[in-house]
PDB file of N, CA and C in Angstrom:
ATOM      1  N   MET A   1       4.365  32.627   8.306  1.00  0.00           N
ATOM      2  CA  MET A   1       3.790  32.250   7.022  1.00  0.00           C
ATOM      3  C   MET A   1       3.380  30.785   7.076  1.00  0.00           C
ATOM      4  N   ILE A   2       2.215  30.495   6.569  1.00  0.00           N
ATOM      5  CA  ILE A   2       1.712  29.123   6.536  1.00  0.00           C
ATOM      6  C   ILE A   2       2.229  28.451   5.273  1.00  0.00           C
ATOM      7  N   LYS A   3       2.737  27.235   5.438  1.00  0.00           N
ATOM      8  CA  LYS A   3       3.299  26.499   4.302  1.00  0.00           C
ATOM      9  C   LYS A   3       2.512  25.236   4.054  1.00  0.00           C
ATOM     10  N   ASP A   4       2.602  24.743   2.802  1.00  0.00           N
ATOM     11  CA  ASP A   4       1.928  23.487   2.477  1.00  0.00           C
ATOM     12  C   ASP A   4       2.840  22.319   2.820  1.00  0.00           C
ATOM     13  N   ALA A   5       2.426  21.101   2.467  1.00  0.00           N
ATOM     14  CA  ALA A   5       3.183  19.891   2.823  1.00  0.00           C
ATOM     15  C   ALA A   5       4.576  19.875   2.209  1.00  0.00           C
ATOM     16  N   ASP A   6       4.761  20.596   1.100  1.00  0.00           N
ATOM     17  CA  ASP A   6       6.071  20.636   0.444  1.00  0.00           C
ATOM     18  C   ASP A   6       6.937  21.791   0.927  1.00  0.00           C
ATOM     19  N   GLY A   7       6.449  22.557   1.907  1.00  0.00           N
ATOM     20  CA  GLY A   7       7.223  23.653   2.451  1.00  0.00           C
ATOM     21  C   GLY A   7       7.066  24.959   1.700  1.00  0.00           C
ATOM     22  N   ARG A   8       6.208  24.988   0.692  1.00  0.00           N
ATOM     23  CA  ARG A   8       5.975  26.214  -0.076  1.00  0.00           C
ATOM     24  C   ARG A   8       4.873  27.028   0.605  1.00  0.00           C
ATOM     25  N   PRO A   9       4.912  28.344   0.446  1.00  0.00           N
ATOM     26  CA  PRO A   9       3.843  29.158   1.026  1.00  0.00           C
ATOM     27  C   PRO A   9       2.482  28.753   0.460  1.00  0.00           C
ATOM     28  N   ALA A  10       1.524  28.569   1.329  1.00  0.00           N
ATOM     29  CA  ALA A  10       0.181  28.199   0.898  1.00  0.00           C
ATOM     30  C   ALA A  10      -0.521  29.411   0.304  1.00  0.00           C
ATOM     31  N   ALA A  11      -1.363  29.175  -0.681  1.00  0.00           N
ATOM     32  CA  ALA A  11      -2.099  30.246  -1.344  1.00  0.00           C
ATOM     33  C   ALA A  11      -3.010  30.951  -0.351  1.00  0.00           C
ATOM     34  N   GLY A  12      -2.976  32.259  -0.349  1.00  0.00           N
ATOM     35  CA  GLY A  12      -3.864  33.038   0.502  1.00  0.00           C
ATOM     36  C   GLY A  12      -3.565  32.900   1.986  1.00  0.00           C
ATOM     37  N   GLY A  13      -2.434  32.355   2.354  1.00  0.00           N
ATOM     38  CA  GLY A  13      -2.075  32.203   3.749  1.00  0.00           C
ATOM     39  C   GLY A  13      -2.799  31.063   4.451  1.00  0.00           C
ATOM     40  N   GLU A  14      -3.639  30.330   3.736  1.00  0.00           N
ATOM     41  CA  GLU A  14      -4.362  29.207   4.335  1.00  0.00           C
ATOM     42  C   GLU A  14      -3.578  27.923   4.129  1.00  0.00           C
ATOM     43  N   ARG A  15      -3.815  26.984   5.017  1.00  0.00           N
ATOM     44  CA  ARG A  15      -3.158  25.683   4.881  1.00  0.00           C
ATOM     45  C   ARG A  15      -3.771  24.936   3.712  1.00  0.00           C
ATOM     46  N   SER A  16      -2.928  24.269   2.969  1.00  0.00           N
ATOM     47  CA  SER A  16      -3.412  23.491   1.831  1.00  0.00           C
ATOM     48  C   SER A  16      -4.073  22.206   2.320  1.00  0.00           C
ATOM     49  N   PRO A  17      -4.968  21.642   1.522  1.00  0.00           N
ATOM     50  CA  PRO A  17      -5.579  20.365   1.910  1.00  0.00           C
ATOM     51  C   PRO A  17      -4.537  19.270   2.132  1.00  0.00           C
ATOM     52  N   SER A  18      -3.483  19.262   1.316  1.00  0.00           N
ATOM     53  CA  SER A  18      -2.465  18.218   1.487  1.00  0.00           C
ATOM     54  C   SER A  18      -1.730  18.382   2.813  1.00  0.00           C
ATOM     55  N   ALA A  19      -1.509  19.628   3.249  1.00  0.00           N
ATOM     56  CA  ALA A  19      -0.853  19.848   4.536  1.00  0.00           C
ATOM     57  C   ALA A  19      -1.753  19.391   5.682  1.00  0.00           C
ATOM     58  N   GLU A  20      -3.042  19.660   5.565  1.00  0.00           N
ATOM     59  CA  GLU A  20      -3.987  19.210   6.601  1.00  0.00           C
ATOM     60  C   GLU A  20      -4.004  17.688   6.698  1.00  0.00           C
ATOM     61  N   LEU A  21      -4.072  17.018   5.548  1.00  0.00           N
ATOM     62  CA  LEU A  21      -4.093  15.556   5.543  1.00  0.00           C
ATOM     63  C   LEU A  21      -2.787  14.987   6.091  1.00  0.00           C
ATOM     64  N   ARG A  22      -1.677  15.600   5.737  1.00  0.00           N
ATOM     65  CA  ARG A  22      -0.376  15.133   6.230  1.00  0.00           C
ATOM     66  C   ARG A  22      -0.324  15.244   7.748  1.00  0.00           C
ATOM     67  N   ASP A  23      -0.810  16.360   8.282  1.00  0.00           N
ATOM     68  CA  ASP A  23      -0.828  16.538   9.736  1.00  0.00           C
ATOM     69  C   ASP A  23      -1.711  15.500  10.420  1.00  0.00           C
ATOM     70  N   GLN A  24      -2.847  15.225   9.822  1.00  0.00           N
ATOM     71  CA  GLN A  24      -3.772  14.257  10.418  1.00  0.00           C
ATOM     72  C   GLN A  24      -3.177  12.845  10.435  1.00  0.00           C
ATOM     73  N   GLY A  25      -2.405  12.519   9.434  1.00  0.00           N
ATOM     74  CA  GLY A  25      -1.829  11.187   9.347  1.00  0.00           C
ATOM     75  C   GLY A  25      -0.458  11.057   9.966  1.00  0.00           C
ATOM     76  N   ASP A  26       0.096  12.164  10.450  1.00  0.00           N
ATOM     77  CA  ASP A  26       1.469  12.153  10.938  1.00  0.00           C
ATOM     78  C   ASP A  26       1.681  11.194  12.107  1.00  0.00           C
ATOM     79  N   ARG A  27       0.748  11.161  13.053  1.00  0.00           N
ATOM     80  CA  ARG A  27       0.898  10.282  14.223  1.00  0.00           C
ATOM     81  C   ARG A  27       0.958   8.817  13.798  1.00  0.00           C
ATOM     82  N   VAL A  28       0.092   8.446  12.861  1.00  0.00           N
ATOM     83  CA  VAL A  28       0.072   7.065  12.375  1.00  0.00           C
ATOM     84  C   VAL A  28       1.370   6.762  11.619  1.00  0.00           C
ATOM     85  N   TRP A  29       1.800   7.693  10.757  1.00  0.00           N
ATOM     86  CA  TRP A  29       3.020   7.522   9.966  1.00  0.00           C
ATOM     87  C   TRP A  29       4.227   7.291  10.878  1.00  0.00           C
ATOM     88  N   VAL A  30       4.351   8.124  11.896  1.00  0.00           N
ATOM     89  CA  VAL A  30       5.473   7.998  12.837  1.00  0.00           C
ATOM     90  C   VAL A  30       5.388   6.663  13.579  1.00  0.00           C
ATOM     91  N   GLY A  31       4.182   6.287  13.995  1.00  0.00           N
ATOM     92  CA  GLY A  31       4.003   5.027  14.701  1.00  0.00           C
ATOM     93  C   GLY A  31       4.377   3.820  13.863  1.00  0.00           C
ATOM     94  N   LEU A  32       4.005   3.857  12.585  1.00  0.00           N
ATOM     95  CA  LEU A  32       4.355   2.746  11.694  1.00  0.00           C
ATOM     96  C   LEU A  32       5.866   2.613  11.539  1.00  0.00           C
ATOM     97  N   HIS A  33       6.534   3.738  11.386  1.00  0.00           N
ATOM     98  CA  HIS A  33       7.985   3.699  11.197  1.00  0.00           C
ATOM     99  C   HIS A  33       8.736   3.388  12.483  1.00  0.00           C
ATOM    100  N   ALA A  34       8.075   3.539  13.622  1.00  0.00           N
ATOM    101  CA  ALA A  34       8.712   3.228  14.902  1.00  0.00           C
ATOM    102  C   ALA A  34       8.426   1.798  15.357  1.00  0.00           C
ATOM    103  N   HIS A  35       7.684   1.037  14.571  1.00  0.00           N
ATOM    104  CA  HIS A  35       7.324  -0.323  14.959  1.00  0.00           C
ATOM    105  C   HIS A  35       8.595  -1.162  15.141  1.00  0.00           C
ATOM    106  N   PRO A  36       8.664  -1.947  16.216  1.00  0.00           N
ATOM    107  CA  PRO A  36       9.865  -2.751  16.493  1.00  0.00           C
ATOM    108  C   PRO A  36      10.269  -3.679  15.346  1.00  0.00           C
ATOM    109  N   PHE A  37       9.297  -4.259  14.650  1.00  0.00           N
ATOM    110  CA  PHE A  37       9.624  -5.162  13.544  1.00  0.00           C
ATOM    111  C   PHE A  37      10.441  -4.423  12.482  1.00  0.00           C
ATOM    112  N   LEU A  38       9.981  -3.233  12.088  1.00  0.00           N
ATOM    113  CA  LEU A  38      10.694  -2.471  11.058  1.00  0.00           C
ATOM    114  C   LEU A  38      12.049  -1.985  11.547  1.00  0.00           C
ATOM    115  N   SER A  39      12.109  -1.578  12.799  1.00  0.00           N
ATOM    116  CA  SER A  39      13.371  -1.112  13.362  1.00  0.00           C
ATOM    117  C   SER A  39      14.398  -2.244  13.396  1.00  0.00           C
ATOM    118  N   GLU A  40      13.972  -3.408  13.868  1.00  0.00           N
ATOM    119  CA  GLU A  40      14.884  -4.558  13.923  1.00  0.00           C
ATOM    120  C   GLU A  40      15.310  -4.995  12.527  1.00  0.00           C
ATOM    121  N   LEU A  41      14.377  -4.975  11.591  1.00  0.00           N
ATOM    122  CA  LEU A  41      14.699  -5.347  10.209  1.00  0.00           C
ATOM    123  C   LEU A  41      15.714  -4.370   9.615  1.00  0.00           C
ATOM    124  N   ALA A  42      15.479  -3.077   9.824  1.00  0.00           N
ATOM    125  CA  ALA A  42      16.370  -2.048   9.284  1.00  0.00           C
ATOM    126  C   ALA A  42      17.778  -2.139   9.871  1.00  0.00           C
ATOM    127  N   HIS A  43      17.881  -2.548  11.129  1.00  0.00           N
ATOM    128  CA  HIS A  43      19.192  -2.628  11.787  1.00  0.00           C
ATOM    129  C   HIS A  43      19.835  -4.011  11.668  1.00  0.00           C
ATOM    130  N   GLY A  44      19.168  -4.916  10.968  1.00  0.00           N
ATOM    131  CA  GLY A  44      19.737  -6.241  10.748  1.00  0.00           C
ATOM    132  C   GLY A  44      19.741  -7.139  11.961  1.00  0.00           C
ATOM    133  N   VAL A  45      18.845  -6.874  12.930  1.00  0.00           N
ATOM    134  CA  VAL A  45      18.824  -7.681  14.146  1.00  0.00           C
ATOM    135  C   VAL A  45      17.493  -8.408  14.337  1.00  0.00           C
ATOM    136  N   LEU A  46      16.654  -8.419  13.323  1.00  0.00           N
ATOM    137  CA  LEU A  46      15.367  -9.112  13.413  1.00  0.00           C
ATOM    138  C   LEU A  46      15.624 -10.618  13.478  1.00  0.00           C
ATOM    139  N   PRO A  47      15.120 -11.287  14.500  1.00  0.00           N
ATOM    140  CA  PRO A  47      15.319 -12.737  14.580  1.00  0.00           C
ATOM    141  C   PRO A  47      14.721 -13.435  13.349  1.00  0.00           C
ATOM    142  N   LEU A  48      15.407 -14.442  12.875  1.00  0.00           N
ATOM    143  CA  LEU A  48      14.988 -15.167  11.688  1.00  0.00           C
ATOM    144  C   LEU A  48      13.567 -15.719  11.841  1.00  0.00           C
ATOM    145  N   GLU A  49      13.215 -16.190  13.023  1.00  0.00           N
ATOM    146  CA  GLU A  49      11.890 -16.765  13.236  1.00  0.00           C
ATOM    147  C   GLU A  49      10.782 -15.722  13.037  1.00  0.00           C
ATOM    148  N   LYS A  50      11.012 -14.486  13.466  1.00  0.00           N
ATOM    149  CA  LYS A  50      10.034 -13.416  13.244  1.00  0.00           C
ATOM    150  C   LYS A  50       9.874 -13.142  11.750  1.00  0.00           C
ATOM    151  N   PHE A  51      10.996 -13.103  11.048  1.00  0.00           N
ATOM    152  CA  PHE A  51      10.940 -12.850   9.608  1.00  0.00           C
ATOM    153  C   PHE A  51      10.244 -14.002   8.890  1.00  0.00           C
ATOM    154  N   ARG A  52      10.541 -15.221   9.298  1.00  0.00           N
ATOM    155  CA  ARG A  52       9.918 -16.400   8.694  1.00  0.00           C
ATOM    156  C   ARG A  52       8.399 -16.356   8.878  1.00  0.00           C
ATOM    157  N   LEU A  53       7.939 -16.011  10.074  1.00  0.00           N
ATOM    158  CA  LEU A  53       6.506 -15.912  10.333  1.00  0.00           C
ATOM    159  C   LEU A  53       5.861 -14.836   9.441  1.00  0.00           C
ATOM    160  N   PHE A  54       6.536 -13.699   9.287  1.00  0.00           N
ATOM    161  CA  PHE A  54       6.038 -12.626   8.420  1.00  0.00           C
ATOM    162  C   PHE A  54       5.855 -13.137   6.992  1.00  0.00           C
ATOM    163  N   ILE A  55       6.854 -13.846   6.469  1.00  0.00           N
ATOM    164  CA  ILE A  55       6.783 -14.374   5.102  1.00  0.00           C
ATOM    165  C   ILE A  55       5.674 -15.413   4.995  1.00  0.00           C
ATOM    166  N   GLU A  56       5.552 -16.303   5.990  1.00  0.00           N
ATOM    167  CA  GLU A  56       4.492 -17.316   5.956  1.00  0.00           C
ATOM    168  C   GLU A  56       3.110 -16.671   5.957  1.00  0.00           C
ATOM    169  N   GLN A  57       2.924 -15.610   6.734  1.00  0.00           N
ATOM    170  CA  GLN A  57       1.634 -14.919   6.747  1.00  0.00           C
ATOM    171  C   GLN A  57       1.364 -14.252   5.407  1.00  0.00           C
ATOM    172  N   ASP A  58       2.395 -13.670   4.809  1.00  0.00           N
ATOM    173  CA  ASP A  58       2.238 -13.033   3.502  1.00  0.00           C
ATOM    174  C   ASP A  58       1.846 -14.053   2.437  1.00  0.00           C
ATOM    175  N   ILE A  59       2.452 -15.225   2.490  1.00  0.00           N
ATOM    176  CA  ILE A  59       2.152 -16.261   1.502  1.00  0.00           C
ATOM    177  C   ILE A  59       0.681 -16.665   1.590  1.00  0.00           C
ATOM    178  N   LEU A  60       0.139 -16.687   2.805  1.00  0.00           N
ATOM    179  CA  LEU A  60      -1.273 -17.037   2.973  1.00  0.00           C
ATOM    180  C   LEU A  60      -2.190 -15.914   2.499  1.00  0.00           C
ATOM    181  N   TYR A  61      -1.768 -14.666   2.685  1.00  0.00           N
ATOM    182  CA  TYR A  61      -2.610 -13.515   2.364  1.00  0.00           C
ATOM    183  C   TYR A  61      -2.589 -13.150   0.882  1.00  0.00           C
ATOM    184  N   LEU A  62      -1.426 -13.160   0.269  1.00  0.00           N
ATOM    185  CA  LEU A  62      -1.272 -12.603  -1.074  1.00  0.00           C
ATOM    186  C   LEU A  62      -2.155 -13.229  -2.146  1.00  0.00           C
ATOM    187  N   PRO A  63      -2.303 -14.548  -2.228  1.00  0.00           N
ATOM    188  CA  PRO A  63      -3.165 -15.076  -3.295  1.00  0.00           C
ATOM    189  C   PRO A  63      -4.603 -14.558  -3.203  1.00  0.00           C
ATOM    190  N   GLY A  64      -5.170 -14.476  -2.022  1.00  0.00           N
ATOM    191  CA  GLY A  64      -6.531 -13.966  -1.865  1.00  0.00           C
ATOM    192  C   GLY A  64      -6.621 -12.498  -2.212  1.00  0.00           C
ATOM    193  N   GLY A  65      -5.638 -11.734  -1.764  1.00  0.00           N
ATOM    194  CA  GLY A  65      -5.617 -10.308  -2.066  1.00  0.00           C
ATOM    195  C   GLY A  65      -5.479 -10.055  -3.549  1.00  0.00           C
ATOM    196  N   ARG A  66      -4.698 -10.872  -4.199  1.00  0.00           N
ATOM    197  CA  ARG A  66      -4.505 -10.731  -5.656  1.00  0.00           C
ATOM    198  C   ARG A  66      -5.829 -10.962  -6.380  1.00  0.00           C
ATOM    199  N   ARG A  67      -6.596 -11.970  -5.938  1.00  0.00           N
ATOM    200  CA  ARG A  67      -7.904 -12.221  -6.561  1.00  0.00           C
ATOM    201  C   ARG A  67      -8.835 -11.043  -6.365  1.00  0.00           C
ATOM    202  N   GLU A  68      -8.824 -10.479  -5.142  1.00  0.00           N
ATOM    203  CA  GLU A  68      -9.694  -9.337  -4.854  1.00  0.00           C
ATOM    204  C   GLU A  68      -9.335  -8.141  -5.717  1.00  0.00           C
ATOM    205  N   GLU A  69      -8.060  -7.935  -5.968  1.00  0.00           N
ATOM    206  CA  GLU A  69      -7.627  -6.810  -6.795  1.00  0.00           C
ATOM    207  C   GLU A  69      -7.918  -7.059  -8.271  1.00  0.00           C
ATOM    208  N   ALA A  70      -7.813  -8.288  -8.708  1.00  0.00           N
ATOM    209  CA  ALA A  70      -7.964  -8.598 -10.127  1.00  0.00           C
ATOM    210  C   ALA A  70      -9.420  -8.696 -10.572  1.00  0.00           C
ATOM    211  N   ALA A  71     -10.319  -9.078  -9.679  1.00  0.00           N
ATOM    212  CA  ALA A  71     -11.707  -9.333 -10.069  1.00  0.00           C
ATOM    213  C   ALA A  71     -12.384  -8.147 -10.763  1.00  0.00           C
ATOM    214  N   PRO A  72     -12.334  -6.926 -10.219  1.00  0.00           N
ATOM    215  CA  PRO A  72     -12.997  -5.811 -10.902  1.00  0.00           C
ATOM    216  C   PRO A  72     -12.408  -5.543 -12.285  1.00  0.00           C
ATOM    217  N   CYS A  73     -11.109  -5.685 -12.410  1.00  0.00           N
ATOM    218  CA  CYS A  73     -10.459  -5.469 -13.703  1.00  0.00           C
ATOM    219  C   CYS A  73     -10.931  -6.505 -14.715  1.00  0.00           C
ATOM    220  N   LEU A  74     -10.994  -7.757 -14.295  1.00  0.00           N
ATOM    221  CA  LEU A  74     -11.437  -8.809 -15.196  1.00  0.00           C
ATOM    222  C   LEU A  74     -12.891  -8.628 -15.606  1.00  0.00           C
ATOM    223  N   ARG A  75     -13.741  -8.243 -14.641  1.00  0.00           N
ATOM    224  CA  ARG A  75     -15.150  -7.997 -14.980  1.00  0.00           C
ATOM    225  C   ARG A  75     -15.268  -6.878 -16.011  1.00  0.00           C
ATOM    226  N   ALA A  76     -14.464  -5.843 -15.855  1.00  0.00           N
ATOM    227  CA  ALA A  76     -14.492  -4.729 -16.799  1.00  0.00           C
ATOM    228  C   ALA A  76     -14.027  -5.180 -18.181  1.00  0.00           C
ATOM    229  N   ARG A  77     -13.007  -6.022 -18.225  1.00  0.00           N
ATOM    230  CA  ARG A  77     -12.515  -6.507 -19.516  1.00  0.00           C
ATOM    231  C   ARG A  77     -13.556  -7.381 -20.219  1.00  0.00           C
ATOM    232  N   VAL A  78     -14.244  -8.207 -19.441  1.00  0.00           N
ATOM    233  CA  VAL A  78     -15.296  -9.045 -20.016  1.00  0.00           C
ATOM    234  C   VAL A  78     -16.423  -8.151 -20.538  1.00  0.00           C
ATOM    235  N   ALA A  79     -16.813  -7.163 -19.757  1.00  0.00           N
ATOM    236  CA  ALA A  79     -17.919  -6.279 -20.138  1.00  0.00           C
ATOM    237  C   ALA A  79     -17.605  -5.471 -21.390  1.00  0.00           C
ATOM    238  N   THR A  80     -16.348  -5.091 -21.561  1.00  0.00           N
ATOM    239  CA  THR A  80     -15.979  -4.266 -22.717  1.00  0.00           C
ATOM    240  C   THR A  80     -15.498  -5.101 -23.896  1.00  0.00           C
ATOM    241  N   GLY A  81     -15.387  -6.411 -23.677  1.00  0.00           N
ATOM    242  CA  GLY A  81     -14.932  -7.280 -24.760  1.00  0.00           C
ATOM    243  C   GLY A  81     -13.444  -7.211 -25.007  1.00  0.00           C
ATOM    244  N   THR A  82     -12.675  -6.701 -24.060  1.00  0.00           N
ATOM    245  CA  THR A  82     -11.227  -6.584 -24.246  1.00  0.00           C
ATOM    246  C   THR A  82     -10.448  -7.742 -23.621  1.00  0.00           C
ATOM    247  N   LEU A  83     -11.155  -8.705 -23.042  1.00  0.00           N
ATOM    248  CA  LEU A  83     -10.506  -9.866 -22.440  1.00  0.00           C
ATOM    249  C   LEU A  83     -10.371 -10.940 -23.506  1.00  0.00           C
ATOM    250  N   THR A  84      -9.157 -11.408 -23.700  1.00  0.00           N
ATOM    251  CA  THR A  84      -8.909 -12.467 -24.676  1.00  0.00           C
ATOM    252  C   THR A  84      -8.617 -13.769 -23.960  1.00  0.00           C
ATOM    253  N   SER A  85      -8.768 -14.875 -24.660  1.00  0.00           N
ATOM    254  CA  SER A  85      -8.564 -16.176 -24.028  1.00  0.00           C
ATOM    255  C   SER A  85      -7.124 -16.382 -23.583  1.00  0.00           C
ATOM    256  N   GLY A  86      -6.194 -15.684 -24.185  1.00  0.00           N
ATOM    257  CA  GLY A  86      -4.791 -15.833 -23.813  1.00  0.00           C
ATOM    258  C   GLY A  86      -4.334 -14.816 -22.789  1.00  0.00           C
ATOM    259  N   ASP A  87      -5.259 -14.069 -22.210  1.00  0.00           N
ATOM    260  CA  ASP A  87      -4.905 -13.025 -21.249  1.00  0.00           C
ATOM    261  C   ASP A  87      -4.297 -13.655 -19.999  1.00  0.00           C
ATOM    262  N   PRO A  88      -3.049 -13.318 -19.676  1.00  0.00           N
ATOM    263  CA  PRO A  88      -2.398 -13.934 -18.513  1.00  0.00           C
ATOM    264  C   PRO A  88      -3.046 -13.578 -17.185  1.00  0.00           C
ATOM    265  N   HIS A  89      -3.799 -12.475 -17.117  1.00  0.00           N
ATOM    266  CA  HIS A  89      -4.419 -12.095 -15.862  1.00  0.00           C
ATOM    267  C   HIS A  89      -5.453 -13.125 -15.411  1.00  0.00           C
ATOM    268  N   CYS A  90      -6.065 -13.824 -16.346  1.00  0.00           N
ATOM    269  CA  CYS A  90      -7.041 -14.847 -15.977  1.00  0.00           C
ATOM    270  C   CYS A  90      -6.384 -15.954 -15.177  1.00  0.00           C
ATOM    271  N   TYR A  91      -5.200 -16.309 -15.575  1.00  0.00           N
ATOM    272  CA  TYR A  91      -4.521 -17.431 -14.942  1.00  0.00           C
ATOM    273  C   TYR A  91      -3.769 -17.021 -13.688  1.00  0.00           C
ATOM    274  N   ASP A  92      -3.158 -15.830 -13.702  1.00  0.00           N
ATOM    275  CA  ASP A  92      -2.404 -15.358 -12.547  1.00  0.00           C
ATOM    276  C   ASP A  92      -3.294 -15.141 -11.337  1.00  0.00           C
ATOM    277  N   SER A  93      -4.505 -14.682 -11.568  1.00  0.00           N
ATOM    278  CA  SER A  93      -5.359 -14.308 -10.445  1.00  0.00           C
ATOM    279  C   SER A  93      -6.149 -15.498  -9.887  1.00  0.00           C
ATOM    280  N   GLY A  94      -6.204 -16.600 -10.617  1.00  0.00           N
ATOM    281  CA  GLY A  94      -6.948 -17.750 -10.148  1.00  0.00           C
ATOM    282  C   GLY A  94      -8.440 -17.614 -10.370  1.00  0.00           C
ATOM    283  N   ILE A  95      -8.850 -16.620 -11.140  1.00  0.00           N
ATOM    284  CA  ILE A  95     -10.283 -16.401 -11.398  1.00  0.00           C
ATOM    285  C   ILE A  95     -10.691 -17.135 -12.663  1.00  0.00           C
TER     286      ILE A  95
END
């Protein structure tokens, strides 16, 4: 019997789209979880310098990423007239 991603029998004996997508992404998913950084972090043996570098890279990336995520929302609020001068998103995003 063919089952879907949740282990339930698929309708009509065919594989569900979610099961197909899960299978296609399985190799990547397993690879991500097997990455040495995550394994060392999970086991509490990640050297402090590696963790420090990860945090420093995140600090450089996050402000730019936040602006990219906030810009479409802010444009939509301006277009619909729902953006107010006291809206904290204007200040948090740096836009």
